[in-house]
N, C-alpha and C. Protein backbone atom coordinates (compact mmCIF):
# COMPACT_ATOMS: atom_id res chain seq x y z
N MET A 1 93.02 91.91 133.63
CA MET A 1 92.34 91.39 132.44
C MET A 1 92.49 89.87 132.34
N ALA A 2 93.03 89.23 133.38
CA ALA A 2 93.19 87.78 133.33
C ALA A 2 91.84 87.09 133.29
N GLY A 3 91.80 85.93 132.62
CA GLY A 3 90.57 85.16 132.56
C GLY A 3 90.21 84.81 131.14
N ILE A 4 88.94 84.41 130.96
CA ILE A 4 88.41 84.00 129.66
C ILE A 4 87.55 85.13 129.11
N ILE A 5 87.86 85.58 127.90
CA ILE A 5 87.14 86.68 127.26
C ILE A 5 86.39 86.13 126.05
N ASP A 6 85.07 86.18 126.11
CA ASP A 6 84.23 85.71 125.00
C ASP A 6 84.21 86.76 123.90
N VAL A 7 84.53 86.35 122.67
CA VAL A 7 84.53 87.28 121.55
C VAL A 7 83.64 86.78 120.41
N SER A 8 82.57 86.07 120.77
CA SER A 8 81.62 85.56 119.78
C SER A 8 80.23 86.08 120.07
N HIS A 9 79.43 86.19 119.01
CA HIS A 9 78.06 86.66 119.13
C HIS A 9 77.12 85.52 119.55
N ILE A 10 76.01 85.88 120.16
CA ILE A 10 74.95 84.93 120.49
C ILE A 10 74.18 84.61 119.21
N VAL A 11 73.91 83.33 118.98
CA VAL A 11 73.05 82.89 117.88
C VAL A 11 71.67 82.57 118.45
N GLU A 12 70.65 83.12 117.83
CA GLU A 12 69.28 82.89 118.29
C GLU A 12 68.33 82.92 117.11
N ALA A 13 67.13 82.43 117.32
CA ALA A 13 66.13 82.42 116.26
C ALA A 13 65.92 83.83 115.72
N GLY A 14 65.87 83.95 114.39
CA GLY A 14 65.62 85.24 113.76
C GLY A 14 66.85 86.06 113.45
N LEU A 15 68.04 85.62 113.90
CA LEU A 15 69.27 86.39 113.68
C LEU A 15 69.67 86.34 112.21
N VAL A 16 69.86 87.50 111.60
CA VAL A 16 70.38 87.58 110.24
C VAL A 16 71.85 87.97 110.32
N THR A 17 72.72 87.07 109.88
CA THR A 17 74.16 87.31 109.94
C THR A 17 74.67 88.00 108.69
N TYR A 18 74.12 87.64 107.55
CA TYR A 18 74.62 88.14 106.27
C TYR A 18 73.42 88.36 105.36
N PRO A 19 73.36 89.49 104.64
CA PRO A 19 72.19 89.77 103.80
C PRO A 19 71.98 88.70 102.73
N GLY A 20 70.76 88.24 102.62
CA GLY A 20 70.42 87.21 101.65
C GLY A 20 70.44 85.80 102.20
N LEU A 21 71.04 85.61 103.38
CA LEU A 21 71.05 84.29 104.01
C LEU A 21 69.95 84.23 105.06
N PRO A 22 69.27 83.10 105.17
CA PRO A 22 68.15 83.01 106.11
C PRO A 22 68.59 82.98 107.56
N ALA A 23 67.74 83.47 108.42
CA ALA A 23 67.97 83.41 109.86
C ALA A 23 67.74 81.99 110.35
N PRO A 24 68.38 81.60 111.44
CA PRO A 24 68.15 80.26 111.98
C PRO A 24 66.75 80.11 112.55
N ILE A 25 66.23 78.91 112.44
CA ILE A 25 64.97 78.53 113.08
C ILE A 25 65.32 77.62 114.25
N VAL A 26 64.97 78.02 115.44
CA VAL A 26 65.28 77.25 116.64
C VAL A 26 63.96 76.85 117.29
N CYS A 27 63.74 75.56 117.47
CA CYS A 27 62.48 75.08 118.02
C CYS A 27 62.71 73.78 118.79
N ASP A 28 61.66 73.23 119.33
CA ASP A 28 61.73 71.95 120.03
C ASP A 28 61.53 70.80 119.07
N PHE A 29 62.39 69.80 119.13
CA PHE A 29 62.08 68.50 118.55
C PHE A 29 61.28 67.71 119.57
N LEU A 30 61.73 67.77 120.82
CA LEU A 30 60.98 67.20 121.94
C LEU A 30 60.85 68.29 123.00
N SER A 31 59.65 68.72 123.27
CA SER A 31 59.44 69.75 124.28
C SER A 31 59.44 69.14 125.67
N ARG A 32 59.63 69.97 126.67
CA ARG A 32 59.57 69.47 128.05
C ARG A 32 58.19 68.90 128.37
N GLU A 33 57.16 69.57 127.88
CA GLU A 33 55.81 69.08 128.15
C GLU A 33 55.59 67.71 127.53
N ALA A 34 56.02 67.55 126.27
CA ALA A 34 55.84 66.25 125.61
C ALA A 34 56.68 65.17 126.26
N SER A 35 57.81 65.54 126.84
CA SER A 35 58.69 64.54 127.44
C SER A 35 58.13 63.95 128.73
N ARG A 36 57.15 64.62 129.32
CA ARG A 36 56.58 64.10 130.57
C ARG A 36 56.02 62.69 130.41
N ALA A 37 55.54 62.37 129.21
CA ALA A 37 54.97 61.05 128.96
C ALA A 37 56.03 59.97 128.82
N LEU A 38 57.29 60.35 128.75
CA LEU A 38 58.37 59.39 128.49
C LEU A 38 59.21 59.06 129.71
N TYR A 39 59.11 59.88 130.77
CA TYR A 39 60.00 59.72 131.92
C TYR A 39 59.20 59.70 133.22
N ALA A 40 59.90 59.50 134.30
CA ALA A 40 59.25 59.46 135.60
C ALA A 40 58.68 60.83 135.96
N ASP A 41 57.81 60.85 136.97
CA ASP A 41 57.21 62.11 137.41
C ASP A 41 58.30 63.14 137.72
N ASP A 42 58.05 64.37 137.31
CA ASP A 42 58.95 65.51 137.56
C ASP A 42 60.30 65.39 136.85
N THR A 43 60.39 64.47 135.87
CA THR A 43 61.61 64.35 135.07
C THR A 43 61.30 64.74 133.64
N THR A 44 61.86 65.83 133.18
CA THR A 44 61.61 66.31 131.83
C THR A 44 62.93 66.62 131.12
N PHE A 45 62.88 66.56 129.81
CA PHE A 45 64.03 66.91 128.98
C PHE A 45 63.56 67.73 127.78
N GLN A 46 64.48 68.49 127.21
CA GLN A 46 64.22 69.20 125.97
C GLN A 46 65.27 68.81 124.97
N ILE A 47 64.84 68.46 123.75
CA ILE A 47 65.74 68.22 122.64
C ILE A 47 65.43 69.27 121.58
N GLY A 48 66.41 70.13 121.31
CA GLY A 48 66.19 71.21 120.36
C GLY A 48 66.39 70.77 118.93
N ARG A 49 65.78 71.54 118.03
CA ARG A 49 65.97 71.35 116.60
C ARG A 49 66.36 72.69 116.00
N ILE A 50 67.41 72.68 115.18
CA ILE A 50 67.94 73.90 114.59
C ILE A 50 68.01 73.74 113.08
N ASP A 51 67.46 74.72 112.36
CA ASP A 51 67.57 74.77 110.91
C ASP A 51 68.30 76.07 110.58
N MET A 52 69.53 75.96 110.07
CA MET A 52 70.29 77.17 109.77
C MET A 52 71.34 76.90 108.70
N VAL A 53 71.75 77.97 108.03
CA VAL A 53 72.89 77.87 107.13
C VAL A 53 74.16 77.89 107.97
N ALA A 54 75.24 77.36 107.40
CA ALA A 54 76.48 77.24 108.17
C ALA A 54 77.10 78.60 108.50
N ASN A 55 76.87 79.59 107.64
CA ASN A 55 77.42 80.93 107.86
C ASN A 55 76.48 81.73 108.77
N THR A 56 76.48 81.39 110.04
CA THR A 56 75.59 82.02 111.02
C THR A 56 76.39 82.40 112.25
N GLY A 57 76.17 83.61 112.75
CA GLY A 57 76.86 84.06 113.95
C GLY A 57 78.34 84.23 113.70
N THR A 58 79.14 84.00 114.73
CA THR A 58 80.60 84.01 114.60
C THR A 58 81.03 82.64 114.09
N TYR A 59 81.71 82.60 112.94
CA TYR A 59 82.02 81.30 112.36
C TYR A 59 83.42 81.25 111.78
N VAL A 60 83.88 80.03 111.58
CA VAL A 60 85.19 79.81 110.96
C VAL A 60 85.00 79.30 109.54
N ASP A 61 85.82 79.82 108.63
CA ASP A 61 85.87 79.33 107.26
C ASP A 61 87.07 78.41 107.12
N SER A 62 86.85 77.22 106.60
CA SER A 62 87.94 76.30 106.26
C SER A 62 88.24 76.45 104.76
N PRO A 63 89.35 75.90 104.29
CA PRO A 63 89.65 75.98 102.85
C PRO A 63 88.54 75.43 101.95
N PHE A 64 87.79 74.44 102.42
CA PHE A 64 86.71 73.86 101.61
C PHE A 64 85.63 74.89 101.28
N HIS A 65 85.50 75.91 102.10
CA HIS A 65 84.53 76.98 101.83
C HIS A 65 84.82 77.62 100.48
N ARG A 66 86.09 77.73 100.12
CA ARG A 66 86.50 78.38 98.86
C ARG A 66 86.92 77.38 97.79
N TYR A 67 87.51 76.26 98.23
CA TYR A 67 88.11 75.32 97.28
C TYR A 67 87.49 73.94 97.42
N GLU A 68 87.07 73.38 96.29
CA GLU A 68 86.42 72.07 96.30
C GLU A 68 87.32 70.98 96.89
N ASP A 69 88.62 71.08 96.66
CA ASP A 69 89.54 70.07 97.17
C ASP A 69 90.24 70.52 98.46
N GLY A 70 89.77 71.59 99.07
CA GLY A 70 90.38 72.09 100.29
C GLY A 70 89.93 71.33 101.53
N ALA A 71 90.64 71.50 102.62
CA ALA A 71 90.29 70.83 103.87
C ALA A 71 88.94 71.32 104.39
N ASP A 72 88.08 70.38 104.74
CA ASP A 72 86.79 70.76 105.33
C ASP A 72 86.94 70.88 106.84
N LEU A 73 85.83 71.09 107.53
CA LEU A 73 85.89 71.28 108.98
C LEU A 73 86.51 70.09 109.69
N ALA A 74 86.18 68.89 109.21
CA ALA A 74 86.70 67.67 109.85
C ALA A 74 88.20 67.53 109.68
N ALA A 75 88.74 68.17 108.65
CA ALA A 75 90.16 68.03 108.35
C ALA A 75 91.01 69.18 108.89
N LEU A 76 90.37 70.18 109.49
CA LEU A 76 91.14 71.31 110.00
C LEU A 76 92.09 70.87 111.12
N ASP A 77 93.26 71.46 111.13
CA ASP A 77 94.26 71.18 112.15
C ASP A 77 93.92 71.95 113.42
N LEU A 78 93.70 71.25 114.52
CA LEU A 78 93.35 71.92 115.77
C LEU A 78 94.43 72.88 116.24
N GLU A 79 95.66 72.67 115.81
CA GLU A 79 96.72 73.58 116.21
C GLU A 79 96.52 75.00 115.66
N ARG A 80 95.67 75.12 114.63
CA ARG A 80 95.34 76.44 114.09
C ARG A 80 94.10 77.05 114.73
N LEU A 81 93.41 76.28 115.57
CA LEU A 81 92.11 76.71 116.08
C LEU A 81 92.03 76.78 117.60
N ALA A 82 92.87 76.04 118.28
CA ALA A 82 92.77 75.93 119.75
C ALA A 82 94.09 76.31 120.40
N SER A 83 94.01 77.18 121.41
CA SER A 83 95.16 77.61 122.18
C SER A 83 96.27 78.17 121.30
N VAL A 84 95.87 79.00 120.34
CA VAL A 84 96.81 79.64 119.44
C VAL A 84 97.23 80.99 120.04
N PRO A 85 98.51 81.31 120.11
CA PRO A 85 98.90 82.62 120.63
C PRO A 85 98.27 83.72 119.80
N GLY A 86 97.64 84.69 120.50
CA GLY A 86 96.85 85.68 119.80
C GLY A 86 97.48 87.05 119.76
N LEU A 87 97.10 87.81 118.74
CA LEU A 87 97.53 89.20 118.57
C LEU A 87 96.35 90.00 118.04
N VAL A 88 96.01 91.09 118.72
CA VAL A 88 94.94 91.97 118.26
C VAL A 88 95.58 93.17 117.54
N ILE A 89 95.13 93.41 116.32
CA ILE A 89 95.57 94.56 115.54
C ILE A 89 94.44 95.59 115.56
N ASP A 90 94.72 96.77 116.06
CA ASP A 90 93.70 97.82 116.15
C ASP A 90 93.62 98.58 114.83
N ALA A 91 92.55 98.33 114.09
CA ALA A 91 92.31 99.02 112.82
C ALA A 91 91.08 99.93 112.92
N SER A 92 90.69 100.27 114.14
CA SER A 92 89.44 101.02 114.34
C SER A 92 89.51 102.44 113.82
N ASP A 93 90.73 102.96 113.60
CA ASP A 93 90.87 104.33 113.10
C ASP A 93 91.11 104.39 111.59
N VAL A 94 91.11 103.25 110.93
CA VAL A 94 91.35 103.23 109.48
C VAL A 94 90.16 103.85 108.76
N GLU A 95 90.43 104.78 107.88
CA GLU A 95 89.37 105.45 107.14
C GLU A 95 89.18 104.80 105.78
N GLY A 96 87.94 104.78 105.31
CA GLY A 96 87.65 104.27 103.98
C GLY A 96 87.39 102.79 103.88
N GLY A 97 87.54 102.06 104.97
CA GLY A 97 87.18 100.64 104.98
C GLY A 97 88.31 99.69 104.67
N ALA A 98 89.22 100.07 103.74
CA ALA A 98 90.28 99.16 103.31
C ALA A 98 91.44 99.17 104.29
N ILE A 99 91.79 98.00 104.83
CA ILE A 99 92.86 97.86 105.81
C ILE A 99 94.08 97.28 105.10
N ASP A 100 95.10 98.11 104.88
CA ASP A 100 96.27 97.65 104.14
C ASP A 100 97.30 97.02 105.07
N SER A 101 98.40 96.58 104.49
CA SER A 101 99.37 95.79 105.24
C SER A 101 100.24 96.61 106.19
N SER A 102 100.16 97.93 106.13
CA SER A 102 101.05 98.76 106.95
C SER A 102 100.85 98.52 108.45
N LEU A 103 99.63 98.17 108.86
CA LEU A 103 99.35 97.93 110.28
C LEU A 103 100.01 96.66 110.80
N PHE A 104 100.40 95.78 109.91
CA PHE A 104 100.86 94.45 110.30
C PHE A 104 102.38 94.29 110.23
N LYS A 105 103.04 95.28 109.66
CA LYS A 105 104.47 95.14 109.46
C LYS A 105 105.25 95.40 110.74
N ASP A 106 106.48 94.94 110.76
CA ASP A 106 107.38 95.07 111.91
C ASP A 106 106.83 94.34 113.14
N ARG A 107 106.11 93.24 112.90
CA ARG A 107 105.59 92.40 113.98
C ARG A 107 105.95 90.95 113.69
N ASP A 108 106.13 90.17 114.73
CA ASP A 108 106.37 88.74 114.56
C ASP A 108 105.02 88.05 114.53
N LEU A 109 104.57 87.67 113.35
CA LEU A 109 103.23 87.11 113.16
C LEU A 109 103.22 85.59 113.00
N ARG A 110 104.37 84.99 112.86
CA ARG A 110 104.41 83.55 112.56
C ARG A 110 103.74 82.74 113.67
N GLY A 111 102.81 81.87 113.26
CA GLY A 111 102.11 81.01 114.19
C GLY A 111 101.05 81.70 115.03
N MET A 112 100.73 82.95 114.74
CA MET A 112 99.79 83.72 115.55
C MET A 112 98.37 83.66 114.99
N ALA A 113 97.39 83.78 115.90
CA ALA A 113 96.01 84.07 115.51
C ALA A 113 95.90 85.59 115.49
N VAL A 114 95.83 86.15 114.30
CA VAL A 114 95.81 87.61 114.13
C VAL A 114 94.36 88.06 114.04
N LEU A 115 93.92 88.83 115.04
CA LEU A 115 92.53 89.28 115.13
C LEU A 115 92.48 90.78 114.86
N VAL A 116 91.72 91.17 113.84
CA VAL A 116 91.66 92.56 113.41
C VAL A 116 90.44 93.23 114.04
N ARG A 117 90.72 94.22 114.89
CA ARG A 117 89.63 94.94 115.57
C ARG A 117 89.30 96.21 114.79
N THR A 118 88.10 96.23 114.24
CA THR A 118 87.63 97.40 113.49
C THR A 118 86.57 98.18 114.26
N GLY A 119 85.94 97.53 115.24
CA GLY A 119 84.85 98.15 115.97
C GLY A 119 83.51 98.04 115.26
N TRP A 120 83.51 97.35 114.10
CA TRP A 120 82.26 97.24 113.33
C TRP A 120 81.20 96.41 114.06
N ASP A 121 81.61 95.62 115.02
CA ASP A 121 80.65 94.81 115.77
C ASP A 121 79.64 95.67 116.54
N ARG A 122 79.91 96.97 116.66
CA ARG A 122 78.94 97.85 117.31
C ARG A 122 77.63 97.93 116.52
N HIS A 123 77.68 97.57 115.24
CA HIS A 123 76.49 97.62 114.39
C HIS A 123 75.76 96.28 114.32
N TRP A 124 76.25 95.28 115.03
CA TRP A 124 75.70 93.92 114.94
C TRP A 124 74.19 93.93 115.12
N ALA A 125 73.51 93.13 114.29
CA ALA A 125 72.05 92.96 114.35
C ALA A 125 71.29 94.25 114.02
N THR A 126 71.93 95.14 113.25
CA THR A 126 71.27 96.34 112.73
C THR A 126 71.53 96.42 111.24
N PRO A 127 70.71 97.16 110.47
CA PRO A 127 70.95 97.30 109.03
C PRO A 127 72.31 97.90 108.70
N ALA A 128 72.85 98.73 109.60
CA ALA A 128 74.15 99.37 109.34
C ALA A 128 75.28 98.36 109.22
N TYR A 129 75.12 97.18 109.81
CA TYR A 129 76.18 96.17 109.78
C TYR A 129 76.47 95.69 108.36
N PHE A 130 75.49 95.78 107.48
CA PHE A 130 75.57 95.15 106.17
C PHE A 130 76.18 96.02 105.08
N THR A 131 76.43 97.30 105.34
CA THR A 131 76.95 98.17 104.29
C THR A 131 78.15 98.96 104.80
N GLY A 132 79.13 99.14 103.91
CA GLY A 132 80.28 99.97 104.23
C GLY A 132 81.24 99.41 105.25
N HIS A 133 81.29 98.09 105.37
CA HIS A 133 82.09 97.45 106.42
C HIS A 133 83.58 97.50 106.13
N PRO A 134 84.43 97.47 107.15
CA PRO A 134 85.90 97.38 106.95
C PRO A 134 86.29 96.00 106.44
N PHE A 135 87.41 95.94 105.71
CA PHE A 135 87.87 94.68 105.12
C PHE A 135 89.38 94.75 104.90
N LEU A 136 89.99 93.60 104.71
CA LEU A 136 91.41 93.54 104.40
C LEU A 136 91.63 93.64 102.89
N THR A 137 92.76 94.18 102.51
CA THR A 137 93.09 94.27 101.09
C THR A 137 93.85 93.03 100.65
N ARG A 138 94.00 92.90 99.34
CA ARG A 138 94.76 91.79 98.77
C ARG A 138 96.20 91.78 99.30
N ASP A 139 96.83 92.96 99.35
CA ASP A 139 98.23 92.98 99.79
C ASP A 139 98.35 92.59 101.26
N THR A 140 97.33 92.89 102.05
CA THR A 140 97.34 92.47 103.46
C THR A 140 97.27 90.95 103.55
N ALA A 141 96.38 90.36 102.77
CA ALA A 141 96.26 88.90 102.77
C ALA A 141 97.56 88.25 102.35
N GLU A 142 98.20 88.80 101.33
CA GLU A 142 99.48 88.24 100.88
C GLU A 142 100.54 88.38 101.96
N PHE A 143 100.56 89.52 102.63
CA PHE A 143 101.54 89.74 103.70
C PHE A 143 101.32 88.77 104.85
N LEU A 144 100.07 88.57 105.26
CA LEU A 144 99.76 87.65 106.35
C LEU A 144 100.12 86.21 105.98
N ARG A 145 99.80 85.84 104.75
CA ARG A 145 100.17 84.50 104.28
C ARG A 145 101.67 84.31 104.34
N ASP A 146 102.40 85.27 103.80
CA ASP A 146 103.85 85.16 103.73
C ASP A 146 104.51 85.25 105.11
N SER A 147 103.78 85.81 106.08
CA SER A 147 104.30 85.93 107.45
C SER A 147 104.06 84.66 108.27
N GLY A 148 103.33 83.69 107.70
CA GLY A 148 103.15 82.42 108.38
C GLY A 148 102.15 82.44 109.52
N VAL A 149 101.10 83.25 109.41
CA VAL A 149 100.09 83.29 110.47
C VAL A 149 99.35 81.97 110.54
N ALA A 150 98.79 81.68 111.71
CA ALA A 150 98.02 80.44 111.90
C ALA A 150 96.56 80.63 111.52
N LEU A 151 96.02 81.82 111.77
CA LEU A 151 94.58 82.09 111.61
C LEU A 151 94.42 83.60 111.53
N VAL A 152 93.37 84.04 110.84
CA VAL A 152 93.05 85.47 110.79
C VAL A 152 91.57 85.65 111.10
N GLY A 153 91.27 86.61 111.97
CA GLY A 153 89.89 86.90 112.32
C GLY A 153 89.59 88.38 112.20
N ILE A 154 88.30 88.72 112.10
CA ILE A 154 87.89 90.11 112.00
C ILE A 154 86.50 90.27 112.61
N ASP A 155 86.24 91.44 113.18
CA ASP A 155 84.94 91.71 113.82
C ASP A 155 84.02 92.49 112.87
N SER A 156 83.96 92.04 111.62
CA SER A 156 83.24 92.75 110.58
C SER A 156 82.38 91.78 109.79
N LEU A 157 81.57 92.33 108.87
CA LEU A 157 80.67 91.52 108.05
C LEU A 157 81.42 90.51 107.20
N ASN A 158 82.58 90.92 106.68
CA ASN A 158 83.34 90.04 105.79
C ASN A 158 84.79 90.49 105.81
N ILE A 159 85.68 89.55 105.72
CA ILE A 159 87.10 89.89 105.68
C ILE A 159 87.49 90.47 104.33
N ASP A 160 86.66 90.24 103.32
CA ASP A 160 86.85 90.76 101.97
C ASP A 160 85.95 91.96 101.71
N ASP A 161 86.32 92.75 100.72
CA ASP A 161 85.43 93.76 100.16
C ASP A 161 84.34 93.02 99.39
N THR A 162 83.09 93.12 99.84
CA THR A 162 82.01 92.34 99.23
C THR A 162 81.63 92.85 97.85
N THR A 163 82.18 93.98 97.42
CA THR A 163 81.94 94.44 96.04
C THR A 163 82.90 93.78 95.06
N ASP A 164 83.88 93.06 95.57
CA ASP A 164 84.87 92.37 94.73
C ASP A 164 84.51 90.89 94.67
N GLY A 165 83.97 90.48 93.54
CA GLY A 165 83.52 89.10 93.40
C GLY A 165 84.64 88.07 93.41
N ALA A 166 85.87 88.51 93.27
CA ALA A 166 87.00 87.57 93.30
C ALA A 166 87.35 87.13 94.71
N ARG A 167 86.89 87.88 95.71
CA ARG A 167 87.16 87.58 97.12
C ARG A 167 88.64 87.23 97.33
N PRO A 168 89.54 88.18 97.08
CA PRO A 168 90.98 87.87 97.12
C PRO A 168 91.49 87.42 98.49
N VAL A 169 90.93 87.95 99.58
CA VAL A 169 91.44 87.58 100.90
C VAL A 169 91.09 86.13 101.23
N HIS A 170 89.83 85.76 100.99
CA HIS A 170 89.45 84.35 101.15
C HIS A 170 90.31 83.46 100.25
N THR A 171 90.49 83.88 99.01
CA THR A 171 91.23 83.09 98.04
C THR A 171 92.68 82.87 98.49
N ILE A 172 93.32 83.92 98.95
CA ILE A 172 94.73 83.83 99.34
C ILE A 172 94.91 83.08 100.65
N LEU A 173 94.16 83.45 101.68
CA LEU A 173 94.35 82.82 102.99
C LEU A 173 93.91 81.36 102.99
N LEU A 174 92.71 81.10 102.50
CA LEU A 174 92.23 79.72 102.49
C LEU A 174 93.05 78.86 101.54
N GLY A 175 93.56 79.47 100.48
CA GLY A 175 94.43 78.74 99.56
C GLY A 175 95.73 78.32 100.22
N ALA A 176 96.12 79.03 101.26
CA ALA A 176 97.33 78.68 102.02
C ALA A 176 97.01 77.85 103.25
N GLY A 177 95.75 77.44 103.40
CA GLY A 177 95.36 76.61 104.54
C GLY A 177 95.17 77.38 105.83
N ILE A 178 94.97 78.69 105.72
CA ILE A 178 94.82 79.54 106.90
C ILE A 178 93.34 79.78 107.17
N PRO A 179 92.78 79.27 108.26
CA PRO A 179 91.37 79.50 108.56
C PRO A 179 91.07 80.98 108.81
N ILE A 180 89.82 81.35 108.54
CA ILE A 180 89.33 82.71 108.73
C ILE A 180 88.16 82.67 109.71
N VAL A 181 88.16 83.57 110.68
CA VAL A 181 87.03 83.70 111.59
C VAL A 181 86.41 85.08 111.36
N GLU A 182 85.12 85.09 111.03
CA GLU A 182 84.40 86.34 110.76
C GLU A 182 83.33 86.59 111.83
N HIS A 183 82.91 87.84 111.91
CA HIS A 183 81.88 88.27 112.86
C HIS A 183 82.31 88.07 114.32
N LEU A 184 83.55 88.38 114.60
CA LEU A 184 83.98 88.42 116.00
C LEU A 184 83.39 89.65 116.68
N CYS A 185 83.55 89.74 117.98
CA CYS A 185 83.06 90.90 118.72
C CYS A 185 83.91 91.09 119.98
N ALA A 186 83.76 92.25 120.60
CA ALA A 186 84.39 92.55 121.89
C ALA A 186 85.90 92.37 121.88
N LEU A 187 86.54 92.59 120.74
CA LEU A 187 88.00 92.44 120.69
C LEU A 187 88.71 93.49 121.54
N ALA A 188 88.03 94.59 121.84
CA ALA A 188 88.62 95.60 122.72
C ALA A 188 88.82 95.08 124.14
N ASP A 189 88.13 94.00 124.49
CA ASP A 189 88.27 93.42 125.83
C ASP A 189 89.52 92.54 125.95
N LEU A 190 90.13 92.22 124.82
CA LEU A 190 91.35 91.43 124.83
C LEU A 190 92.57 92.35 124.89
N PRO A 191 93.65 91.88 125.52
CA PRO A 191 94.91 92.64 125.41
C PRO A 191 95.46 92.50 124.00
N THR A 192 96.41 93.33 123.66
CA THR A 192 97.02 93.24 122.34
C THR A 192 97.72 91.89 122.15
N THR A 193 98.43 91.44 123.17
CA THR A 193 99.11 90.14 123.15
C THR A 193 98.94 89.50 124.53
N GLY A 194 99.51 88.32 124.68
CA GLY A 194 99.46 87.66 125.99
C GLY A 194 98.19 86.90 126.24
N PHE A 195 97.60 86.35 125.17
CA PHE A 195 96.41 85.52 125.33
C PHE A 195 96.46 84.38 124.31
N ARG A 196 95.68 83.36 124.58
CA ARG A 196 95.53 82.22 123.68
C ARG A 196 94.12 82.25 123.09
N PHE A 197 94.03 82.09 121.78
CA PHE A 197 92.75 82.19 121.08
C PHE A 197 92.22 80.80 120.75
N HIS A 198 90.91 80.65 120.91
CA HIS A 198 90.23 79.38 120.64
C HIS A 198 89.00 79.65 119.76
N ALA A 199 88.83 78.87 118.70
CA ALA A 199 87.66 78.99 117.83
C ALA A 199 87.46 77.67 117.10
N VAL A 200 86.92 76.69 117.81
CA VAL A 200 86.83 75.32 117.29
C VAL A 200 85.39 75.01 116.87
N PRO A 201 85.18 74.61 115.61
CA PRO A 201 83.85 74.23 115.14
C PRO A 201 83.57 72.75 115.36
N VAL A 202 82.34 72.35 115.10
CA VAL A 202 81.98 70.92 115.09
C VAL A 202 82.75 70.23 113.96
N LYS A 203 83.10 68.98 114.18
CA LYS A 203 83.93 68.23 113.23
C LYS A 203 83.08 67.64 112.11
N PHE A 204 82.53 68.52 111.27
CA PHE A 204 81.67 68.12 110.17
C PHE A 204 82.50 67.79 108.94
N ARG A 205 82.15 66.67 108.27
CA ARG A 205 82.76 66.34 106.99
C ARG A 205 81.89 66.92 105.87
N GLY A 206 82.52 67.44 104.84
CA GLY A 206 81.79 67.98 103.70
C GLY A 206 81.18 69.34 103.94
N VAL A 207 81.62 70.05 104.98
CA VAL A 207 81.13 71.38 105.31
C VAL A 207 82.34 72.30 105.46
N GLY A 208 82.23 73.52 104.92
CA GLY A 208 83.37 74.42 104.92
C GLY A 208 83.34 75.52 105.97
N THR A 209 82.17 75.76 106.55
CA THR A 209 81.99 76.87 107.49
C THR A 209 81.04 76.43 108.59
N PHE A 210 81.30 76.90 109.82
CA PHE A 210 80.37 76.58 110.91
C PHE A 210 80.61 77.54 112.08
N PRO A 211 79.55 77.82 112.86
CA PRO A 211 79.70 78.69 114.03
C PRO A 211 80.70 78.13 115.04
N VAL A 212 81.32 79.06 115.77
CA VAL A 212 82.25 78.71 116.83
C VAL A 212 81.95 79.54 118.07
N ARG A 213 82.35 79.04 119.23
CA ARG A 213 82.41 79.85 120.45
C ARG A 213 83.84 80.35 120.53
N ALA A 214 84.06 81.55 120.08
CA ALA A 214 85.40 82.10 120.03
C ALA A 214 85.71 82.82 121.35
N TYR A 215 86.92 82.59 121.87
CA TYR A 215 87.28 83.24 123.12
C TYR A 215 88.80 83.30 123.25
N GLY A 216 89.23 84.23 124.07
CA GLY A 216 90.64 84.34 124.39
C GLY A 216 90.88 84.02 125.84
N VAL A 217 91.93 83.29 126.13
CA VAL A 217 92.35 83.01 127.50
C VAL A 217 93.57 83.87 127.78
N VAL A 218 93.39 84.84 128.66
CA VAL A 218 94.46 85.78 128.96
C VAL A 218 95.45 85.14 129.91
N GLU A 219 96.72 85.19 129.56
CA GLU A 219 97.75 84.50 130.32
C GLU A 219 98.27 85.38 131.46
C-alpha cells in the first residue's frame, strides 16, 4: 500500500456538492483557437475561467467559515494541513448516522489528522448523497478537541447533522482552531495508520473554505 493515495473528488462543470449551492461553471477565458492569433505558428495556450462557490468538491473549512474573527485560509497553519500524521477511523458500520465518541477512545489522537470513514462517498454525485448522511455528534467533537487533534475529516456530506442549525461540530472544532475537511473519498484505500495526510488550499485572504487536493502518503 506504499505510495500516494488520492482521497479527493474530481471537480468539474455541473458538479453539485451540496443541495442549494450552485455547480461550478468551467469555461475558457482564452481558448486554444483564439490564442493562435497571439503566438507563433503551432503555439497555443488555454486560460480557464472558473465560477464557483468555495464549498465545492473536497474542501477544507477554516475557523473563518464559522467565526468572523477566526483564521481565514491565508492564516491557517500549514502544520495542520501538510504532512500531518494520519489516522483512519472506520465508522462504516455505525447505524443511525450519529457517530459518537466511543470509536475514538483509547487512541493517541494528539497532533493527528483524524479521518472518519463512513463509506458515504459511494453515493457521490447522486441524489442519495444529500439525505441521511453520517455525522459526528457534539460529544465526539468535544472529545476530539480535548484530545488535541490537528485536523478532522469525513467522507460525508457534512461533519454535522444538517438538521441541527447550531452546527455543534463546526462550532466546537473550528472554535478550537481545528480545520475540517469534508467530502473526502476512497478512505478505504488508506491504512489505518502509517501515512501522512495533506489537504492544502489556496492562500486566500477573507475566505473560509476552499477545495483541496487531499491525499495520504503511505510511509
